Amino acid sequence: MRTTKLFARFITFFLLLLFGMAIGAKSGGLDTFRFTLLILVLSGLSFLHIKTMRKKFARFNTSTLG
Protein backbone atom coordinates (compact mmCIF):
# COMPACT_ATOMS: atom_id res chain seq x y z
CA MET A 1 0.00 0.00 0.00
CA ARG A 2 2.74 2.45 0.93
CA THR A 3 4.74 1.68 -2.22
CA THR A 4 1.67 2.10 -4.40
CA LYS A 5 0.85 5.46 -2.82
CA LEU A 6 4.45 6.60 -3.24
CA PHE A 7 4.40 5.50 -6.88
CA ALA A 8 1.12 7.37 -7.46
CA ARG A 9 2.61 10.54 -6.00
CA PHE A 10 5.72 10.14 -8.16
CA ILE A 11 3.62 9.75 -11.32
CA THR A 12 1.48 12.76 -10.35
CA PHE A 13 4.63 14.86 -9.85
CA PHE A 14 5.99 13.63 -13.19
CA LEU A 15 2.76 14.60 -14.98
CA LEU A 16 2.92 18.08 -13.42
CA LEU A 17 6.50 18.40 -14.65
CA LEU A 18 5.36 17.42 -18.14
CA PHE A 19 2.65 20.11 -18.08
CA GLY A 20 5.30 22.63 -17.02
CA MET A 21 7.55 21.45 -19.83
CA ALA A 22 4.70 21.88 -22.33
CA ILE A 23 4.06 25.45 -21.18
CA GLY A 24 7.79 26.16 -21.37
CA ALA A 25 7.91 24.75 -24.89
CA LYS A 26 5.02 27.03 -25.87
CA SER A 27 6.95 29.99 -24.50
CA GLY A 28 9.99 28.79 -26.42
CA GLY A 29 8.22 28.95 -29.75
CA LEU A 30 6.24 25.73 -30.17
CA ASP A 31 3.42 26.24 -32.66
CA THR A 32 -0.20 26.14 -31.52
CA PHE A 33 -1.14 22.85 -33.19
CA ARG A 34 1.70 20.88 -31.60
CA PHE A 35 1.11 22.55 -28.24
CA THR A 36 -2.58 21.63 -28.38
CA LEU A 37 -1.70 18.06 -29.32
CA LEU A 38 0.81 17.82 -26.46
CA ILE A 39 -1.67 19.20 -23.93
CA LEU A 40 -4.38 16.80 -25.14
CA VAL A 41 -2.07 13.80 -24.75
CA LEU A 42 -0.99 14.93 -21.28
CA SER A 43 -4.60 15.55 -20.28
CA GLY A 44 -5.56 12.05 -21.39
CA LEU A 45 -2.71 10.53 -19.41
CA SER A 46 -3.65 12.56 -16.36
CA PHE A 47 -7.29 11.52 -16.64
CA LEU A 48 -6.35 7.84 -16.87
CA HIS A 49 -3.96 8.19 -13.94
CA ILE A 50 -6.55 9.87 -11.71
CA LYS A 51 -9.24 7.38 -12.71
CA THR A 52 -7.09 4.33 -11.95
CA MET A 53 -5.74 5.75 -8.69
CA ARG A 54 -9.23 6.60 -7.43
CA LYS A 55 -10.37 3.08 -8.26
CA LYS A 56 -7.31 1.52 -6.63
CA PHE A 57 -7.46 3.56 -3.41
CA ALA A 58 -11.25 3.33 -3.02
CA ARG A 59 -10.80 -0.15 -1.53
CA PHE A 60 -8.51 1.16 1.19
CA ASN A 61 -10.46 4.29 2.06
CA THR A 62 -14.13 3.30 2.22
CA SER A 63 -14.95 5.54 5.18
CA THR A 64 -14.87 8.73 3.06
CA LEU A 65 -17.10 7.43 0.27
CA GLY A 66 -20.29 8.28 2.02
PDB file of N, CA and C in Angstrom:
ATOM      1  N   MET A   1       0.830  -1.197   0.000  1.00  0.00           N
ATOM      2  CA  MET A   1       0.000   0.000   0.000  1.00  0.00           C
ATOM      3  C   MET A   1       0.871   1.255   0.000  1.00  0.00           C
ATOM      4  N   ARG A   2       1.885   1.268   0.854  1.00  0.00           N
ATOM      5  CA  ARG A   2       2.739   2.447   0.935  1.00  0.00           C
ATOM      6  C   ARG A   2       3.507   2.653  -0.374  1.00  0.00           C
ATOM      7  N   THR A   3       4.007   1.572  -0.957  1.00  0.00           N
ATOM      8  CA  THR A   3       4.741   1.681  -2.217  1.00  0.00           C
ATOM      9  C   THR A   3       3.831   2.170  -3.333  1.00  0.00           C
ATOM     10  N   THR A   4       2.612   1.678  -3.370  1.00  0.00           N
ATOM     11  CA  THR A   4       1.670   2.103  -4.403  1.00  0.00           C
ATOM     12  C   THR A   4       1.342   3.586  -4.266  1.00  0.00           C
ATOM     13  N   LYS A   5       1.158   4.041  -3.039  1.00  0.00           N
ATOM     14  CA  LYS A   5       0.852   5.457  -2.818  1.00  0.00           C
ATOM     15  C   LYS A   5       2.052   6.330  -3.201  1.00  0.00           C
ATOM     16  N   LEU A   6       3.246   5.865  -2.876  1.00  0.00           N
ATOM     17  CA  LEU A   6       4.448   6.601  -3.244  1.00  0.00           C
ATOM     18  C   LEU A   6       4.595   6.660  -4.761  1.00  0.00           C
ATOM     19  N   PHE A   7       4.330   5.542  -5.425  1.00  0.00           N
ATOM     20  CA  PHE A   7       4.404   5.505  -6.882  1.00  0.00           C
ATOM     21  C   PHE A   7       3.374   6.445  -7.505  1.00  0.00           C
ATOM     22  N   ALA A   8       2.168   6.475  -6.951  1.00  0.00           N
ATOM     23  CA  ALA A   8       1.124   7.368  -7.464  1.00  0.00           C
ATOM     24  C   ALA A   8       1.543   8.827  -7.313  1.00  0.00           C
ATOM     25  N   ARG A   9       2.149   9.154  -6.201  1.00  0.00           N
ATOM     26  CA  ARG A   9       2.613  10.537  -6.004  1.00  0.00           C
ATOM     27  C   ARG A   9       3.737  10.882  -6.967  1.00  0.00           C
ATOM     28  N   PHE A  10       4.626   9.921  -7.220  1.00  0.00           N
ATOM     29  CA  PHE A  10       5.717  10.141  -8.163  1.00  0.00           C
ATOM     30  C   PHE A  10       5.171  10.383  -9.568  1.00  0.00           C
ATOM     31  N   ILE A  11       4.206   9.579  -9.989  1.00  0.00           N
ATOM     32  CA  ILE A  11       3.623   9.748 -11.321  1.00  0.00           C
ATOM     33  C   ILE A  11       2.881  11.083 -11.421  1.00  0.00           C
ATOM     34  N   THR A  12       2.177  11.473 -10.361  1.00  0.00           N
ATOM     35  CA  THR A  12       1.484  12.763 -10.350  1.00  0.00           C
ATOM     36  C   THR A  12       2.483  13.907 -10.492  1.00  0.00           C
ATOM     37  N   PHE A  13       3.584  13.838  -9.757  1.00  0.00           N
ATOM     38  CA  PHE A  13       4.627  14.856  -9.852  1.00  0.00           C
ATOM     39  C   PHE A  13       5.220  14.890 -11.259  1.00  0.00           C
ATOM     40  N   PHE A  14       5.445  13.715 -11.842  1.00  0.00           N
ATOM     41  CA  PHE A  14       5.993  13.629 -13.190  1.00  0.00           C
ATOM     42  C   PHE A  14       5.040  14.252 -14.214  1.00  0.00           C
ATOM     43  N   LEU A  15       3.736  14.002 -14.061  1.00  0.00           N
ATOM     44  CA  LEU A  15       2.764  14.604 -14.978  1.00  0.00           C
ATOM     45  C   LEU A  15       2.731  16.124 -14.838  1.00  0.00           C
ATOM     46  N   LEU A  16       2.854  16.625 -13.611  1.00  0.00           N
ATOM     47  CA  LEU A  16       2.917  18.076 -13.417  1.00  0.00           C
ATOM     48  C   LEU A  16       4.166  18.666 -14.069  1.00  0.00           C
ATOM     49  N   LEU A  17       5.285  17.947 -13.976  1.00  0.00           N
ATOM     50  CA  LEU A  17       6.501  18.404 -14.650  1.00  0.00           C
ATOM     51  C   LEU A  17       6.316  18.429 -16.167  1.00  0.00           C
ATOM     52  N   LEU A  18       5.609  17.441 -16.702  1.00  0.00           N
ATOM     53  CA  LEU A  18       5.360  17.422 -18.142  1.00  0.00           C
ATOM     54  C   LEU A  18       4.475  18.588 -18.576  1.00  0.00           C
ATOM     55  N   PHE A  19       3.473  18.938 -17.756  1.00  0.00           N
ATOM     56  CA  PHE A  19       2.651  20.108 -18.079  1.00  0.00           C
ATOM     57  C   PHE A  19       3.507  21.377 -18.048  1.00  0.00           C
ATOM     58  N   GLY A  20       4.389  21.482 -17.079  1.00  0.00           N
ATOM     59  CA  GLY A  20       5.295  22.626 -17.024  1.00  0.00           C
ATOM     60  C   GLY A  20       6.214  22.684 -18.228  1.00  0.00           C
ATOM     61  N   MET A  21       6.698  21.515 -18.650  1.00  0.00           N
ATOM     62  CA  MET A  21       7.552  21.451 -19.828  1.00  0.00           C
ATOM     63  C   MET A  21       6.777  21.894 -21.077  1.00  0.00           C
ATOM     64  N   ALA A  22       5.514  21.497 -21.170  1.00  0.00           N
ATOM     65  CA  ALA A  22       4.700  21.882 -22.332  1.00  0.00           C
ATOM     66  C   ALA A  22       4.496  23.394 -22.372  1.00  0.00           C
ATOM     67  N   ILE A  23       4.239  23.989 -21.225  1.00  0.00           N
ATOM     68  CA  ILE A  23       4.061  25.447 -21.177  1.00  0.00           C
ATOM     69  C   ILE A  23       5.375  26.149 -21.511  1.00  0.00           C
ATOM     70  N   GLY A  24       6.487  25.604 -21.023  1.00  0.00           N
ATOM     71  CA  GLY A  24       7.793  26.161 -21.368  1.00  0.00           C
ATOM     72  C   GLY A  24       8.098  26.038 -22.849  1.00  0.00           C
ATOM     73  N   ALA A  25       7.694  24.920 -23.453  1.00  0.00           N
ATOM     74  CA  ALA A  25       7.907  24.745 -24.891  1.00  0.00           C
ATOM     75  C   ALA A  25       7.066  25.738 -25.685  1.00  0.00           C
ATOM     76  N   LYS A  26       5.865  26.026 -25.195  1.00  0.00           N
ATOM     77  CA  LYS A  26       5.017  27.025 -25.868  1.00  0.00           C
ATOM     78  C   LYS A  26       5.677  28.396 -25.789  1.00  0.00           C
ATOM     79  N   SER A  27       6.242  28.712 -24.641  1.00  0.00           N
ATOM     80  CA  SER A  27       6.946  29.991 -24.499  1.00  0.00           C
ATOM     81  C   SER A  27       8.193  30.029 -25.368  1.00  0.00           C
ATOM     82  N   GLY A  28       8.784  28.858 -25.605  1.00  0.00           N
ATOM     83  CA  GLY A  28       9.994  28.789 -26.415  1.00  0.00           C
ATOM     84  C   GLY A  28       9.748  28.811 -27.912  1.00  0.00           C
ATOM     85  N   GLY A  29       8.497  28.822 -28.333  1.00  0.00           N
ATOM     86  CA  GLY A  29       8.215  28.952 -29.752  1.00  0.00           C
ATOM     87  C   GLY A  29       7.514  27.768 -30.393  1.00  0.00           C
ATOM     88  N   LEU A  30       6.985  26.857 -29.612  1.00  0.00           N
ATOM     89  CA  LEU A  30       6.239  25.726 -30.173  1.00  0.00           C
ATOM     90  C   LEU A  30       4.943  26.238 -30.798  1.00  0.00           C
ATOM     91  N   ASP A  31       4.634  25.750 -32.002  1.00  0.00           N
ATOM     92  CA  ASP A  31       3.421  26.244 -32.662  1.00  0.00           C
ATOM     93  C   ASP A  31       2.159  25.731 -31.959  1.00  0.00           C
ATOM     94  N   THR A  32       1.051  26.382 -32.246  1.00  0.00           N
ATOM     95  CA  THR A  32      -0.196  26.143 -31.517  1.00  0.00           C
ATOM     96  C   THR A  32      -0.723  24.729 -31.713  1.00  0.00           C
ATOM     97  N   PHE A  33      -0.620  24.195 -32.925  1.00  0.00           N
ATOM     98  CA  PHE A  33      -1.137  22.849 -33.185  1.00  0.00           C
ATOM     99  C   PHE A  33      -0.398  21.801 -32.357  1.00  0.00           C
ATOM    100  N   ARG A  34       0.916  21.872 -32.368  1.00  0.00           N
ATOM    101  CA  ARG A  34       1.696  20.884 -31.600  1.00  0.00           C
ATOM    102  C   ARG A  34       1.499  21.063 -30.100  1.00  0.00           C
ATOM    103  N   PHE A  35       1.368  22.298 -29.657  1.00  0.00           N
ATOM    104  CA  PHE A  35       1.107  22.549 -28.244  1.00  0.00           C
ATOM    105  C   PHE A  35      -0.242  21.968 -27.838  1.00  0.00           C
ATOM    106  N   THR A  36      -1.251  22.173 -28.666  1.00  0.00           N
ATOM    107  CA  THR A  36      -2.578  21.626 -28.379  1.00  0.00           C
ATOM    108  C   THR A  36      -2.539  20.110 -28.348  1.00  0.00           C
ATOM    109  N   LEU A  37      -1.839  19.509 -29.287  1.00  0.00           N
ATOM    110  CA  LEU A  37      -1.701  18.057 -29.323  1.00  0.00           C
ATOM    111  C   LEU A  37      -0.989  17.544 -28.074  1.00  0.00           C
ATOM    112  N   LEU A  38       0.063  18.215 -27.663  1.00  0.00           N
ATOM    113  CA  LEU A  38       0.806  17.819 -26.465  1.00  0.00           C
ATOM    114  C   LEU A  38      -0.055  17.941 -25.216  1.00  0.00           C
ATOM    115  N   ILE A  39      -0.798  19.013 -25.091  1.00  0.00           N
ATOM    116  CA  ILE A  39      -1.673  19.201 -23.932  1.00  0.00           C
ATOM    117  C   ILE A  39      -2.782  18.157 -23.917  1.00  0.00           C
ATOM    118  N   LEU A  40      -3.337  17.822 -25.078  1.00  0.00           N
ATOM    119  CA  LEU A  40      -4.381  16.799 -25.135  1.00  0.00           C
ATOM    120  C   LEU A  40      -3.857  15.431 -24.710  1.00  0.00           C
ATOM    121  N   VAL A  41      -2.663  15.082 -25.145  1.00  0.00           N
ATOM    122  CA  VAL A  41      -2.066  13.801 -24.746  1.00  0.00           C
ATOM    123  C   VAL A  41      -1.807  13.786 -23.244  1.00  0.00           C
ATOM    124  N   LEU A  42      -1.252  14.860 -22.724  1.00  0.00           N
ATOM    125  CA  LEU A  42      -0.989  14.928 -21.283  1.00  0.00           C
ATOM    126  C   LEU A  42      -2.280  14.920 -20.476  1.00  0.00           C
ATOM    127  N   SER A  43      -3.310  15.563 -20.976  1.00  0.00           N
ATOM    128  CA  SER A  43      -4.599  15.550 -20.278  1.00  0.00           C
ATOM    129  C   SER A  43      -5.196  14.151 -20.254  1.00  0.00           C
ATOM    130  N   GLY A  44      -5.080  13.434 -21.351  1.00  0.00           N
ATOM    131  CA  GLY A  44      -5.559  12.054 -21.393  1.00  0.00           C
ATOM    132  C   GLY A  44      -4.818  11.162 -20.419  1.00  0.00           C
ATOM    133  N   LEU A  45      -3.500  11.305 -20.370  1.00  0.00           N
ATOM    134  CA  LEU A  45      -2.706  10.526 -19.412  1.00  0.00           C
ATOM    135  C   LEU A  45      -3.071  10.873 -17.975  1.00  0.00           C
ATOM    136  N   SER A  46      -3.278  12.145 -17.709  1.00  0.00           N
ATOM    137  CA  SER A  46      -3.654  12.564 -16.360  1.00  0.00           C
ATOM    138  C   SER A  46      -5.019  12.019 -15.974  1.00  0.00           C
ATOM    139  N   PHE A  47      -5.954  12.049 -16.913  1.00  0.00           N
ATOM    140  CA  PHE A  47      -7.289  11.522 -16.642  1.00  0.00           C
ATOM    141  C   PHE A  47      -7.231  10.029 -16.324  1.00  0.00           C
ATOM    142  N   LEU A  48      -6.477   9.281 -17.129  1.00  0.00           N
ATOM    143  CA  LEU A  48      -6.345   7.844 -16.869  1.00  0.00           C
ATOM    144  C   LEU A  48      -5.671   7.579 -15.528  1.00  0.00           C
ATOM    145  N   HIS A  49      -4.665   8.366 -15.212  1.00  0.00           N
ATOM    146  CA  HIS A  49      -3.958   8.193 -13.941  1.00  0.00           C
ATOM    147  C   HIS A  49      -4.895   8.448 -12.763  1.00  0.00           C
ATOM    148  N   ILE A  50      -5.631   9.540 -12.813  1.00  0.00           N
ATOM    149  CA  ILE A  50      -6.548   9.871 -11.711  1.00  0.00           C
ATOM    150  C   ILE A  50      -7.643   8.819 -11.588  1.00  0.00           C
ATOM    151  N   LYS A  51      -8.170   8.381 -12.730  1.00  0.00           N
ATOM    152  CA  LYS A  51      -9.239   7.383 -12.708  1.00  0.00           C
ATOM    153  C   LYS A  51      -8.758   6.067 -12.093  1.00  0.00           C
ATOM    154  N   THR A  52      -7.587   5.599 -12.487  1.00  0.00           N
ATOM    155  CA  THR A  52      -7.090   4.331 -11.947  1.00  0.00           C
ATOM    156  C   THR A  52      -6.694   4.461 -10.486  1.00  0.00           C
ATOM    157  N   MET A  53      -6.133   5.592 -10.089  1.00  0.00           N
ATOM    158  CA  MET A  53      -5.738   5.745  -8.688  1.00  0.00           C
ATOM    159  C   MET A  53      -6.960   5.856  -7.783  1.00  0.00           C
ATOM    160  N   ARG A  54      -8.003   6.527  -8.248  1.00  0.00           N
ATOM    161  CA  ARG A  54      -9.226   6.598  -7.432  1.00  0.00           C
ATOM    162  C   ARG A  54      -9.836   5.217  -7.263  1.00  0.00           C
ATOM    163  N   LYS A  55      -9.819   4.432  -8.334  1.00  0.00           N
ATOM    164  CA  LYS A  55     -10.370   3.083  -8.258  1.00  0.00           C
ATOM    165  C   LYS A  55      -9.519   2.209  -7.332  1.00  0.00           C
ATOM    166  N   LYS A  56      -8.204   2.353  -7.432  1.00  0.00           N
ATOM    167  CA  LYS A  56      -7.308   1.523  -6.629  1.00  0.00           C
ATOM    168  C   LYS A  56      -7.396   1.872  -5.144  1.00  0.00           C
ATOM    169  N   PHE A  57      -7.469   3.160  -4.818  1.00  0.00           N
ATOM    170  CA  PHE A  57      -7.463   3.561  -3.414  1.00  0.00           C
ATOM    171  C   PHE A  57      -8.849   3.581  -2.795  1.00  0.00           C
ATOM    172  N   ALA A  58      -9.896   3.373  -3.584  1.00  0.00           N
ATOM    173  CA  ALA A  58     -11.247   3.327  -3.023  1.00  0.00           C
ATOM    174  C   ALA A  58     -11.416   2.121  -2.108  1.00  0.00           C
ATOM    175  N   ARG A  59     -10.710   1.040  -2.385  1.00  0.00           N
ATOM    176  CA  ARG A  59     -10.798  -0.150  -1.529  1.00  0.00           C
ATOM    177  C   ARG A  59     -10.248   0.126  -0.141  1.00  0.00           C
ATOM    178  N   PHE A  60      -9.193   0.931  -0.079  1.00  0.00           N
ATOM    179  CA  PHE A  60      -8.514   1.159   1.188  1.00  0.00           C
ATOM    180  C   PHE A  60      -9.171   2.244   2.017  1.00  0.00           C
ATOM    181  N   ASN A  61      -9.935   3.116   1.378  1.00  0.00           N
ATOM    182  CA  ASN A  61     -10.461   4.288   2.063  1.00  0.00           C
ATOM    183  C   ASN A  61     -11.980   4.349   1.899  1.00  0.00           C
ATOM    184  N   THR A  62     -12.685   3.370   2.413  1.00  0.00           N
ATOM    185  CA  THR A  62     -14.134   3.304   2.217  1.00  0.00           C
ATOM    186  C   THR A  62     -14.891   4.221   3.169  1.00  0.00           C
ATOM    187  N   SER A  63     -14.246   4.712   4.214  1.00  0.00           N
ATOM    188  CA  SER A  63     -14.955   5.545   5.185  1.00  0.00           C
ATOM    189  C   SER A  63     -15.324   6.912   4.612  1.00  0.00           C
ATOM    190  N   THR A  64     -14.607   7.401   3.605  1.00  0.00           N
ATOM    191  CA  THR A  64     -14.873   8.730   3.060  1.00  0.00           C
ATOM    192  C   THR A  64     -15.806   8.692   1.858  1.00  0.00           C
ATOM    193  N   LEU A  65     -16.253   7.518   1.451  1.00  0.00           N
ATOM    194  CA  LEU A  65     -17.101   7.435   0.266  1.00  0.00           C
ATOM    195  C   LEU A  65     -18.556   7.766   0.538  1.00  0.00           C
ATOM    196  N   GLY A  66     -18.929   7.871   1.767  1.00  0.00           N
ATOM    197  CA  GLY A  66     -20.294   8.281   2.021  1.00  0.00           C
ATOM    198  C   GLY A  66     -20.966   7.306   2.879  1.00  0.00           C
TER     199      GLY A  66
END
